[in-house]
Every structure is written in C-alpha cells, then in structure tokens.
Amino acid sequence: MSTALVNDPATPTRGARGTQLLGALLRSRELAVLVVLLLIVLGTTLKSNGFLFSSDGFRNLLVTPSLLLLLAVGQTLVIVTRNVDLSVGSVLGLTAYLTGRLFADNPGIPVIAVFAAGLAMGALLGLVNGVLVAFGRVPALVITLGTLYIYRGIFLTWAGSDRINASDMDPAFLALGTRSILGIPVLTLIALAVLAAVGYYLHTARGGRELYAIGSDPDAATLYGLRVTRRVLVAFVLSGALAGLAGVVYAARYGTVSSGAGSGIELQAVGAAVIGGVAIFGGSGTVWGAAIGAFLLVTINRALPIVGISDFWQRAVVGALILAAIVLDRVLANRQERRLREQQGSSAAEAAPPGPDGPPVLPAGPTDPTTHHDEEARA
C-alpha cells in the first residue's frame, strides 16, 4: 500500500524560508549599522592607509572598543526592561582604581582574584541601583543620575590626587593589555566572550526572554505573574558587574588610573546601545547590535580627525546618530503597531459569519438574550 505525500500549502518551502531570512536580514538594524561601520573603515583607510594597515592600526580597531562594548552590553540588559543605568562610568572608575590599589597594597595577588574583586564591587554597586529602582519605585533615570555623582564623589575622595601607575601593577596583568591570541587582542576576546554569554542568555534563557516582556509592558508582565522586581534587580546587578569588569580591563589597557577614569563614558554606552537598535523605550534590541554600535562610535571618534573634522563636529555627529536612532525606533514602533491593528481588524472580519444582507455579523455570546430565547423555542 503506497502513501501519497501531499505538500501543505501553509508550510513554507525551503526557497520561501530563504526569502524570508533574506528579507529579515535586509530589515535588520544590526546589519545596517554594520554596513555603516564597514563603509567608515573603508573610507578612512582610503584616506589614510595607517588607519588600518599601520603597525597597530588593526589592533587598535579591535581593542579600543572593548571597554565600551562591555558597558553597552550591560546597558542593553537594563534598557530592554525600560530602564537606564547612568552610573556605569563612575562604577568603571571606582573598580579601575580598586584594581590598582589591590596590586599596589598586596604584591603578588593573583590576577584572577583582582578580576573577581572588580566584578564583585561592580555587582554590589549595581545592586544598590537595582534595589532603589525595583523596590523604591523611583525612575531609573533619577536614581542612577544620583548614584553617578555619589560613586564619583566616593572615587574622588578615595583617590584624591593619587595616581596608579604601571609600576604599581603586576606585569602579568599589564601584559593582558598588549597580548594577542591568533592576532586578536586578549581584551577583545574577553569582551567577545561576555557578549556571547549575555547574547545566549537573552535569546534562550527564560530570564532573558522575561526581560523583554517586562520592557514591552511592565503592567502586563506583572499581571501575567512574571517576577518583575527580581528581573529588574538582576539586570542592574549584571550591568554593574560588567561595568566592574570594564574597570579592570581599563587598568590593564592603559596601565594607569587617575580620578578622571570613566568620566562621561556612560553616555557613550547608552548611545552605543541605542544606535545598535536597542529601543530606548524597552522591549526590543540585541546585544549584538549594541556591540556593533560600540565599535561604530569608537571608530567614528578615531576616523573623523583623520579626515580633518574638528572635535566639535565629532560630538555633533555622535549626537545626530543617537537622535536619528531614537526617531527611527519610534517610526518603526508606530508602523508596527498600525500594522498589527490592521491585521487584528481583518482577522475579526474574516472570522465573523456573513449576515442575511451580506455584512459580517458577530456571533451572539452565551449571555445574549436572543440566544436564550432560541434555546427555549427549540425545547
């Protein structure tokens, strides 16, 4: 007995799947930002070969954005929950100075212990932010703006006029700032490993998906039974921990730490995430886009002086990119909302049976008196 295989017309064929995938890629914000990044690198290299092909040009292209990449990844975790963390620059400065002090006051301390201390201190400072935001029900913008100045004040009081120099730190630790594996700087590999871990968590783990649900509609997430307070708290802790890791990486990268470390970088972190497609209103975006945004911002800052653009216009270009990204997010969100309303309206019209004169008539509900009357007549 033979069995006939009939293709379900509702099942997409392999070619249709390929077309859908190609369409999704072409609509991807991440891909668009990546293309802009590549065009800037290409144009600047044509202007000056040393930008990419000098002795350290390619290395700087990879290692310089690693700090901002770590901060942007942590910022993404917070922004997708419809919050923001403006204290990451001060956290970076504090943990960078802590790193130097640990090496200066404890000669021979293991490098891994210093990394653990930086992560722990960053997580603790992030926990303070998370508790105030999640339990205090105060807007994150206000809370983290306050802790930005508090943490910076603690840093200035602790450091004073003191300066951590390369001679105070372990040579094996400083070697991380110059060492490469297969041509890729070690610090870049650390940042990419963090990027992959957080990206996997957001894409596959239940907790990661819940962060997006909370950002899309916090009230609906609460009614659905999601632990909103706990998830927001975890997001701030992870953001602080990654800022702490960035502080350790800062010390290894530059070999010196002063009281100005990390000043102003928090706005670059927010900008990198938003430019990379993370919606400032929460609920959408990826760490991959935030990482590309970090590379784009750092590359722009390096490229514009080479093509002869002044420092004022460098800042103006970055500001224009952030504004354009926010406007684009709103336009796309409004378009998607309008499309969903149209689809819901057409689906309701198709589901309703036609009336005697042609227009659809919605079926009567169980409490409709006409339904009850018909049932009695049949009885």
Protein backbone atom coordinates (compact mmCIF):
# COMPACT_ATOMS: atom_id res chain seq x y z
CA MET A 1 0.00 0.00 0.00
CA SER A 2 1.53 3.31 -1.04
CA THR A 3 1.21 6.55 0.88
CA ALA A 4 0.85 9.77 -1.05
CA LEU A 5 2.71 12.74 0.34
CA VAL A 6 0.88 15.97 -0.15
CA ASN A 7 2.65 19.28 0.46
CA ASP A 8 0.79 21.52 2.85
CA PRO A 9 0.41 24.88 1.14
CA ALA A 10 0.65 26.57 4.54
CA THR A 11 4.10 25.06 5.10
CA PRO A 12 6.83 27.32 3.68
CA THR A 13 9.19 25.69 1.23
CA ARG A 14 12.95 25.87 1.50
CA GLY A 15 13.06 28.67 -1.04
CA ALA A 16 10.38 30.60 0.85
CA ARG A 17 12.30 30.22 4.08
CA GLY A 18 15.42 31.54 2.36
CA THR A 19 13.49 34.51 1.03
CA GLN A 20 12.05 35.24 4.48
CA LEU A 21 15.51 35.01 6.05
CA LEU A 22 16.98 37.35 3.42
CA GLY A 23 14.14 39.81 3.97
CA ALA A 24 14.69 39.74 7.74
CA LEU A 25 18.40 40.40 7.26
CA LEU A 26 17.75 43.31 4.95
CA ARG A 27 15.38 44.83 7.53
CA SER A 28 17.85 44.24 10.36
CA ARG A 29 19.06 47.33 12.19
CA GLU A 30 22.21 45.45 13.19
CA LEU A 31 23.09 44.75 9.58
CA ALA A 32 22.53 48.39 8.62
CA VAL A 33 24.82 49.63 11.41
CA LEU A 34 27.44 47.04 10.44
CA VAL A 35 27.39 48.25 6.83
CA VAL A 36 27.88 51.86 8.02
CA LEU A 37 30.80 50.71 10.19
CA LEU A 38 32.47 48.92 7.28
CA LEU A 39 31.98 51.93 5.00
CA ILE A 40 33.59 54.23 7.56
CA VAL A 41 36.56 51.89 7.96
CA LEU A 42 36.92 51.59 4.17
CA GLY A 43 36.62 55.34 3.55
CA THR A 44 39.06 56.26 6.30
CA THR A 45 41.56 53.64 5.13
CA LEU A 46 41.41 55.05 1.61
CA LYS A 47 42.10 58.48 3.09
CA SER A 48 44.97 57.22 5.25
CA ASN A 49 46.40 53.70 4.99
CA GLY A 50 47.78 53.97 8.51
CA PHE A 51 44.28 53.84 9.98
CA LEU A 52 44.10 50.10 9.31
CA PHE A 53 47.47 48.99 7.96
CA SER A 54 49.90 50.65 10.36
CA SER A 55 51.77 48.52 12.90
CA ASP A 56 48.99 48.88 15.47
CA GLY A 57 46.09 50.12 13.29
CA PHE A 58 44.17 46.85 13.09
CA ARG A 59 44.89 46.08 16.74
CA ASN A 60 43.53 49.45 17.87
CA LEU A 61 40.45 48.91 15.72
CA LEU A 62 39.71 45.78 17.78
CA VAL A 63 40.95 46.58 21.28
CA THR A 64 39.86 50.20 21.73
CA PRO A 65 36.09 49.44 21.61
CA SER A 66 36.36 46.57 24.12
CA LEU A 67 35.70 48.83 27.12
CA LEU A 68 32.65 50.45 25.55
CA LEU A 69 31.43 47.06 24.33
CA LEU A 70 31.30 45.70 27.89
CA LEU A 71 29.40 48.76 29.10
CA ALA A 72 27.00 48.68 26.13
CA VAL A 73 26.18 45.01 26.75
CA GLY A 74 25.37 45.73 30.39
CA GLN A 75 23.39 48.80 29.39
CA THR A 76 21.33 46.68 26.99
CA LEU A 77 20.25 44.40 29.83
CA VAL A 78 18.85 47.43 31.66
CA ILE A 79 17.37 49.31 28.70
CA VAL A 80 15.32 46.36 27.45
CA THR A 81 13.49 46.46 30.83
CA ARG A 82 12.56 50.10 30.12
CA ASN A 83 15.24 51.49 32.47
CA VAL A 84 18.68 53.04 32.10
CA ASP A 85 21.92 52.98 34.13
CA LEU A 86 23.84 56.26 34.10
CA SER A 87 26.25 55.26 36.86
CA VAL A 88 28.37 52.82 34.85
CA GLY A 89 31.13 55.38 34.17
CA SER A 90 31.60 56.04 37.88
CA VAL A 91 31.49 52.30 38.61
CA LEU A 92 34.19 51.78 35.98
CA GLY A 93 36.38 54.45 37.60
CA LEU A 94 35.94 53.03 41.10
CA THR A 95 36.76 49.46 40.08
CA ALA A 96 39.72 50.58 37.96
CA TYR A 97 41.17 52.39 40.99
CA LEU A 98 40.37 49.37 43.19
CA THR A 99 42.32 47.22 40.75
CA GLY A 100 45.39 49.44 41.02
CA ARG A 101 45.17 49.64 44.81
CA LEU A 102 44.93 45.85 45.14
CA PHE A 103 48.13 45.39 43.19
CA ALA A 104 49.89 48.26 44.99
CA ASP A 105 48.90 47.18 48.51
CA ASN A 106 49.05 43.40 48.00
CA PRO A 107 52.09 42.46 45.90
CA GLY A 108 51.76 39.01 44.38
CA ILE A 109 47.98 38.94 44.49
CA PRO A 110 46.62 36.57 41.81
CA VAL A 111 45.28 38.26 38.70
CA ILE A 112 42.11 36.17 38.80
CA ALA A 113 41.43 37.46 42.33
CA VAL A 114 41.64 41.04 41.06
CA PHE A 115 39.15 40.25 38.30
CA ALA A 116 36.82 38.66 40.86
CA ALA A 117 37.11 41.70 43.14
CA GLY A 118 36.27 44.06 40.28
CA LEU A 119 33.22 42.01 39.30
CA ALA A 120 32.05 41.78 42.92
CA MET A 121 32.41 45.50 43.57
CA GLY A 122 30.60 46.37 40.33
CA ALA A 123 27.80 43.93 41.15
CA LEU A 124 27.44 45.45 44.63
CA LEU A 125 27.14 48.98 43.25
CA GLY A 126 24.67 47.71 40.66
CA LEU A 127 22.70 46.04 43.44
CA VAL A 128 22.30 49.42 45.15
CA ASN A 129 20.86 50.85 41.94
CA GLY A 130 18.58 47.85 41.45
CA VAL A 131 17.19 47.95 45.00
CA LEU A 132 16.39 51.66 44.76
CA VAL A 133 14.74 51.28 41.35
CA ALA A 134 12.91 47.97 41.85
CA PHE A 135 11.75 48.42 45.44
CA GLY A 136 11.67 52.20 45.70
CA ARG A 137 9.61 52.52 42.50
CA VAL A 138 11.67 55.57 41.54
CA PRO A 139 12.54 56.17 37.85
CA ALA A 140 15.92 54.68 36.99
CA LEU A 141 16.99 57.91 35.29
CA VAL A 142 16.71 59.77 38.60
CA ILE A 143 18.26 57.03 40.75
CA THR A 144 21.28 56.33 38.53
CA LEU A 145 21.90 60.02 37.92
CA GLY A 146 22.16 60.41 41.68
CA THR A 147 24.40 57.38 42.16
CA LEU A 148 26.57 58.59 39.27
CA TYR A 149 27.55 61.59 41.38
CA ILE A 150 27.67 59.63 44.64
CA TYR A 151 30.00 56.97 43.23
CA ARG A 152 32.12 59.62 41.52
CA GLY A 153 32.35 61.54 44.81
CA ILE A 154 33.47 58.38 46.63
CA PHE A 155 36.05 57.81 43.91
CA LEU A 156 37.42 61.36 44.15
CA THR A 157 37.56 61.19 47.95
CA TRP A 158 39.32 57.83 47.89
CA ALA A 159 41.79 58.62 45.13
CA GLY A 160 42.33 62.33 45.81
CA SER A 161 45.39 63.42 43.88
CA ASP A 162 46.81 59.90 43.95
CA ARG A 163 47.54 58.17 40.67
CA ILE A 164 48.02 54.48 39.98
CA ASN A 165 50.95 53.90 37.61
CA ALA A 166 52.07 50.89 35.62
CA SER A 167 54.88 50.29 38.10
CA ASP A 168 52.29 49.66 40.83
CA MET A 169 50.65 46.77 38.95
CA ASP A 170 51.65 43.21 38.16
CA PRO A 171 53.49 42.89 34.80
CA ALA A 172 51.50 39.72 34.06
CA PHE A 173 48.30 41.74 34.44
CA LEU A 174 49.54 44.56 32.24
CA ALA A 175 50.52 42.00 29.61
CA LEU A 176 46.82 41.35 29.06
CA GLY A 177 46.60 44.81 27.54
CA THR A 178 49.20 44.01 24.89
CA ARG A 179 48.94 40.25 24.35
CA SER A 180 47.10 38.71 21.41
CA ILE A 181 45.86 35.24 20.52
CA LEU A 182 45.78 34.43 16.80
CA GLY A 183 46.07 38.13 16.07
CA ILE A 184 43.10 39.12 18.25
CA PRO A 185 43.85 41.12 21.45
CA VAL A 186 43.14 39.29 24.69
CA LEU A 187 40.98 42.15 25.98
CA THR A 188 38.85 41.94 22.84
CA LEU A 189 38.46 38.20 23.35
CA ILE A 190 37.27 38.82 26.92
CA ALA A 191 34.70 41.32 25.66
CA LEU A 192 33.53 38.98 22.91
CA ALA A 193 33.18 36.09 25.38
CA VAL A 194 30.97 38.27 27.60
CA LEU A 195 28.99 39.35 24.54
CA ALA A 196 28.37 35.73 23.51
CA ALA A 197 27.34 34.68 27.03
CA VAL A 198 24.89 37.55 27.52
CA GLY A 199 23.52 37.18 23.99
CA TYR A 200 22.88 33.49 24.59
CA TYR A 201 21.18 34.26 27.91
CA LEU A 202 18.85 36.86 26.40
CA HIS A 203 17.97 34.68 23.42
CA THR A 204 17.47 31.28 25.05
CA ALA A 205 17.07 31.57 28.83
CA ARG A 206 13.66 32.16 30.35
CA GLY A 207 15.00 35.01 32.44
CA GLY A 208 16.37 36.72 29.34
CA ARG A 209 13.06 36.49 27.50
CA GLU A 210 11.26 37.82 30.55
CA LEU A 211 13.42 40.96 30.46
CA TYR A 212 11.98 41.73 27.02
CA ALA A 213 8.45 41.01 28.22
CA ILE A 214 8.89 43.40 31.14
CA GLY A 215 10.19 46.13 28.86
CA SER A 216 7.34 45.67 26.39
CA ASP A 217 4.63 46.12 29.03
CA PRO A 218 5.57 46.08 32.75
CA ASP A 219 1.94 46.06 33.92
CA ALA A 220 1.01 43.13 31.69
CA ALA A 221 4.15 41.28 32.82
CA THR A 222 3.07 41.73 36.44
CA LEU A 223 -0.47 40.51 35.72
CA TYR A 224 0.95 37.52 33.88
CA GLY A 225 2.86 36.55 37.01
CA LEU A 226 6.40 37.45 36.00
CA ARG A 227 8.74 38.41 38.82
CA VAL A 228 9.30 41.93 37.57
CA THR A 229 11.09 43.23 40.66
CA ARG A 230 13.54 40.35 40.71
CA ARG A 231 14.31 40.58 36.98
CA VAL A 232 14.91 44.32 37.11
CA LEU A 233 17.17 43.82 40.12
CA VAL A 234 19.17 41.17 38.27
CA ALA A 235 19.52 43.43 35.22
CA PHE A 236 21.07 46.20 37.32
CA VAL A 237 23.37 43.78 39.12
CA LEU A 238 24.63 42.39 35.80
CA SER A 239 25.09 45.90 34.41
CA GLY A 240 27.13 46.85 37.47
CA ALA A 241 29.19 43.66 37.28
CA LEU A 242 30.05 44.30 33.63
CA ALA A 243 30.97 47.90 34.47
CA GLY A 244 33.24 46.49 37.18
CA LEU A 245 34.83 44.14 34.66
CA ALA A 246 35.29 47.11 32.33
CA GLY A 247 37.16 48.89 35.14
CA VAL A 248 39.60 46.00 35.44
CA VAL A 249 40.03 45.95 31.65
CA TYR A 250 40.62 49.74 31.74
CA ALA A 251 43.52 49.30 34.18
CA ALA A 252 45.05 46.55 32.03
CA ARG A 253 44.58 48.54 28.82
CA TYR A 254 46.05 51.86 29.91
CA GLY A 255 48.31 50.87 32.78
CA THR A 256 47.43 53.99 34.74
CA VAL A 257 44.36 55.12 36.68
CA SER A 258 43.54 58.68 37.75
CA SER A 259 40.46 60.28 39.26
CA GLY A 260 39.10 61.07 35.79
CA ALA A 261 38.82 57.43 34.73
CA GLY A 262 35.47 56.62 33.15
CA SER A 263 34.14 60.17 33.24
CA GLY A 264 31.43 60.67 30.60
CA ILE A 265 31.61 57.16 29.16
CA GLU A 266 28.14 56.30 30.48
CA LEU A 267 26.52 58.44 27.79
CA GLN A 268 28.59 56.68 25.13
CA ALA A 269 27.35 53.34 26.47
CA VAL A 270 23.73 54.44 26.17
CA GLY A 271 24.44 55.86 22.72
CA ALA A 272 26.09 52.64 21.52
CA ALA A 273 23.11 50.56 22.63
CA VAL A 274 20.54 52.90 21.06
CA ILE A 275 22.45 53.29 17.79
CA GLY A 276 22.77 49.49 17.66
CA GLY A 277 19.00 49.09 17.65
CA VAL A 278 18.11 48.74 21.34
CA ALA A 279 14.83 50.61 21.81
CA ILE A 280 15.22 53.31 24.47
CA PHE A 281 11.58 52.62 25.41
CA GLY A 282 12.39 48.98 26.19
CA GLY A 283 11.24 45.62 24.93
CA SER A 284 13.44 45.17 21.85
CA GLY A 285 17.04 45.14 20.71
CA THR A 286 20.02 42.80 20.92
CA VAL A 287 23.45 42.86 22.49
CA TRP A 288 24.89 42.15 19.04
CA GLY A 289 23.54 45.47 17.82
CA ALA A 290 24.84 47.23 20.93
CA ALA A 291 28.29 45.76 20.31
CA ILE A 292 28.30 46.95 16.69
CA GLY A 293 27.14 50.35 17.95
CA ALA A 294 30.11 50.46 20.34
CA PHE A 295 32.52 49.66 17.51
CA LEU A 296 30.84 52.31 15.36
CA LEU A 297 31.12 55.09 17.95
CA VAL A 298 34.76 54.37 18.75
CA THR A 299 35.64 54.06 15.07
CA ILE A 300 33.95 57.38 14.29
CA ASN A 301 35.92 59.08 17.06
CA ARG A 302 39.14 57.72 15.57
CA ALA A 303 38.22 58.33 11.94
CA LEU A 304 36.90 61.90 11.98
CA PRO A 305 40.22 63.55 13.00
CA ILE A 306 41.95 61.67 10.19
CA VAL A 307 39.60 63.14 7.59
CA GLY A 308 40.09 66.60 9.08
CA ILE A 309 36.85 67.09 11.05
CA SER A 310 37.14 69.14 14.25
CA ASP A 311 36.33 67.85 17.74
CA PHE A 312 33.08 69.85 17.87
CA TRP A 313 31.73 68.12 14.77
CA GLN A 314 32.81 64.74 16.11
CA ARG A 315 30.48 65.19 19.06
CA ALA A 316 27.77 66.60 16.81
CA VAL A 317 27.93 63.53 14.56
CA VAL A 318 27.56 61.18 17.53
CA GLY A 319 24.63 63.22 18.85
CA ALA A 320 22.96 63.19 15.44
CA LEU A 321 23.32 59.40 15.25
CA ILE A 322 21.65 58.98 18.64
CA LEU A 323 18.76 61.27 17.72
CA ALA A 324 18.31 59.52 14.37
CA ALA A 325 18.25 56.12 16.09
CA ILE A 326 15.59 57.23 18.60
CA VAL A 327 13.42 58.78 15.88
CA LEU A 328 13.75 55.66 13.76
CA ASP A 329 12.72 53.48 16.72
CA ARG A 330 9.55 55.49 17.20
CA VAL A 331 8.70 55.45 13.50
CA LEU A 332 9.17 51.68 13.28
CA ALA A 333 7.22 51.09 16.50
CA ASN A 334 4.27 53.19 15.28
CA ARG A 335 4.31 51.44 11.91
CA GLN A 336 4.32 48.01 13.54
CA GLU A 337 1.50 48.98 15.90
CA ARG A 338 -0.60 50.23 12.99
CA ARG A 339 0.07 47.03 11.04
CA LEU A 340 -0.97 44.87 13.99
CA ARG A 341 -4.22 46.80 14.40
CA GLU A 342 -4.98 46.33 10.72
CA GLN A 343 -4.26 42.60 10.93
CA GLN A 344 -6.48 42.21 14.00
CA GLY A 345 -9.30 44.08 12.28
CA SER A 346 -9.09 41.96 9.13
CA SER A 347 -8.89 38.73 11.17
CA ALA A 348 -12.03 39.66 13.14
CA ALA A 349 -13.90 40.48 9.93
CA GLU A 350 -12.91 37.16 8.31
CA ALA A 351 -13.90 35.14 11.39
CA ALA A 352 -17.41 36.61 11.64
CA PRO A 353 -20.15 34.77 9.61
CA PRO A 354 -22.00 36.80 6.97
CA GLY A 355 -25.42 38.21 7.82
CA PRO A 356 -28.53 37.94 5.64
CA ASP A 357 -27.68 41.12 3.77
CA GLY A 358 -24.00 40.39 3.34
CA PRO A 359 -22.12 42.24 6.14
CA PRO A 360 -20.50 40.07 8.80
CA VAL A 361 -22.48 39.57 11.96
CA LEU A 362 -20.61 38.66 15.12
CA PRO A 363 -21.95 35.54 16.88
CA ALA A 364 -24.04 36.12 19.96
CA GLY A 365 -22.41 35.42 23.28
CA PRO A 366 -23.73 32.96 25.84
CA THR A 367 -25.35 35.75 27.81
CA ASP A 368 -27.15 37.19 24.79
CA PRO A 369 -30.92 37.12 25.47
CA THR A 370 -31.63 36.16 21.84
CA THR A 371 -29.59 33.02 22.28
CA HIS A 372 -31.53 32.07 25.40
CA HIS A 373 -34.86 32.69 23.62
CA ASP A 374 -33.90 30.45 20.68
CA GLU A 375 -32.90 27.63 23.00
CA GLU A 376 -36.29 27.78 24.77
CA ALA A 377 -38.12 27.70 21.41
CA ARG A 378 -36.20 24.57 20.37
CA ALA A 379 -37.07 22.91 23.70
